[in-house]
Amino acid sequence: MKIRIFVTLKNGVLDPQGKAIHHALENLDFKGVNDVRAGKLIELDVDDSTSDSDIEKMCEKLLANTVIENFEIEKLTDQATEEA
């Protein structure tokens, strides 16, 4: 089973990487970008027997710093896997 985990900074947490990207876009003359928030995408290939609870624990214990980051778990269907 394929799992995607999106990790993003919580609102109010400073995002220096996002600010750097935003500044670079402005320097490249891209207009209309109001803000940039950078995050991480983690893809896991796990056994079908892996529980939702175990996946959430992986995020809480290792994959995300839950003090400053949020995470979202997405299970990929066979069709979504083929498209990617």
Protein backbone atom coordinates (compact mmCIF):
# COMPACT_ATOMS: atom_id res chain seq x y z
CA MET A 1 0.00 0.00 0.00
CA LYS A 2 1.34 3.43 -0.92
CA ILE A 3 1.02 6.25 1.59
CA ARG A 4 1.82 9.94 1.13
CA ILE A 5 2.43 12.09 4.14
CA PHE A 6 2.38 15.86 3.73
CA VAL A 7 4.20 17.73 6.49
CA THR A 8 3.71 21.49 6.77
CA LEU A 9 4.58 24.12 9.32
CA LYS A 10 1.79 25.21 11.62
CA ASN A 11 0.34 28.67 11.14
CA GLY A 12 2.38 31.27 12.97
CA VAL A 13 5.66 29.34 12.70
CA LEU A 14 8.29 31.26 10.75
CA ASP A 15 9.19 29.64 7.44
CA PRO A 16 12.63 30.85 6.29
CA GLN A 17 12.69 28.40 3.36
CA GLY A 18 9.32 29.69 2.17
CA LYS A 19 10.54 33.28 2.48
CA ALA A 20 13.66 32.45 0.45
CA ILE A 21 11.55 30.85 -2.29
CA HIS A 22 9.21 33.84 -2.31
CA HIS A 23 12.14 36.25 -2.59
CA ALA A 24 13.68 34.20 -5.43
CA LEU A 25 10.39 34.17 -7.35
CA GLU A 26 10.16 37.95 -7.03
CA ASN A 27 13.76 38.29 -8.28
CA LEU A 28 12.81 36.16 -11.30
CA ASP A 29 9.99 38.65 -12.01
CA PHE A 30 7.14 36.28 -11.15
CA LYS A 31 4.27 38.49 -10.04
CA GLY A 32 1.21 37.69 -7.98
CA VAL A 33 2.78 35.31 -5.46
CA ASN A 34 1.62 36.61 -2.07
CA ASP A 35 3.24 34.04 0.21
CA VAL A 36 5.10 30.73 0.10
CA ARG A 37 5.04 27.97 2.71
CA ALA A 38 7.47 25.09 2.17
CA GLY A 39 6.83 21.58 3.42
CA LYS A 40 7.81 17.97 2.96
CA LEU A 41 6.28 15.07 1.06
CA ILE A 42 7.13 11.62 2.39
CA GLU A 43 6.06 8.50 0.48
CA LEU A 44 5.88 5.15 2.19
CA ASP A 45 5.28 1.71 0.74
CA VAL A 46 3.83 -0.33 3.60
CA ASP A 47 2.24 -3.74 3.99
CA ASP A 48 -1.53 -3.77 3.57
CA SER A 49 -1.72 -4.99 7.15
CA THR A 50 -0.21 -1.73 8.50
CA SER A 51 -2.89 -0.04 10.58
CA ASP A 52 -3.93 3.59 10.32
CA SER A 53 -2.92 3.90 13.96
CA ASP A 54 0.61 2.70 13.22
CA ILE A 55 0.96 5.15 10.34
CA GLU A 56 -0.18 8.00 12.57
CA LYS A 57 2.30 6.93 15.26
CA MET A 58 5.11 6.97 12.65
CA CYS A 59 4.22 10.58 11.90
CA GLU A 60 3.98 11.60 15.54
CA LYS A 61 7.20 9.90 16.63
CA LEU A 62 9.51 10.51 13.67
CA LEU A 63 8.20 11.97 10.44
CA ALA A 64 6.79 15.26 11.80
CA ASN A 65 7.76 17.52 14.66
CA THR A 66 4.25 17.93 16.03
CA VAL A 67 5.26 20.93 18.12
CA ILE A 68 5.68 23.05 14.98
CA GLU A 69 4.36 20.88 12.13
CA ASN A 70 1.07 19.43 10.97
CA PHE A 71 0.80 16.27 8.92
CA GLU A 72 -1.78 14.85 6.55
CA ILE A 73 -1.91 11.19 5.55
CA GLU A 74 -3.14 10.15 2.10
CA LYS A 75 -3.61 6.54 1.05
CA LEU A 76 -3.08 6.10 -2.66
CA THR A 77 -5.36 3.92 -4.70
CA ASP A 78 -3.99 1.73 -7.48
CA GLN A 79 -5.20 4.30 -10.03
CA ALA A 80 -3.44 7.21 -8.25
CA THR A 81 -0.25 5.14 -8.07
CA GLU A 82 -0.37 4.48 -11.82
CA GLU A 83 -0.83 8.19 -12.59
CA ALA A 84 2.16 9.20 -10.45
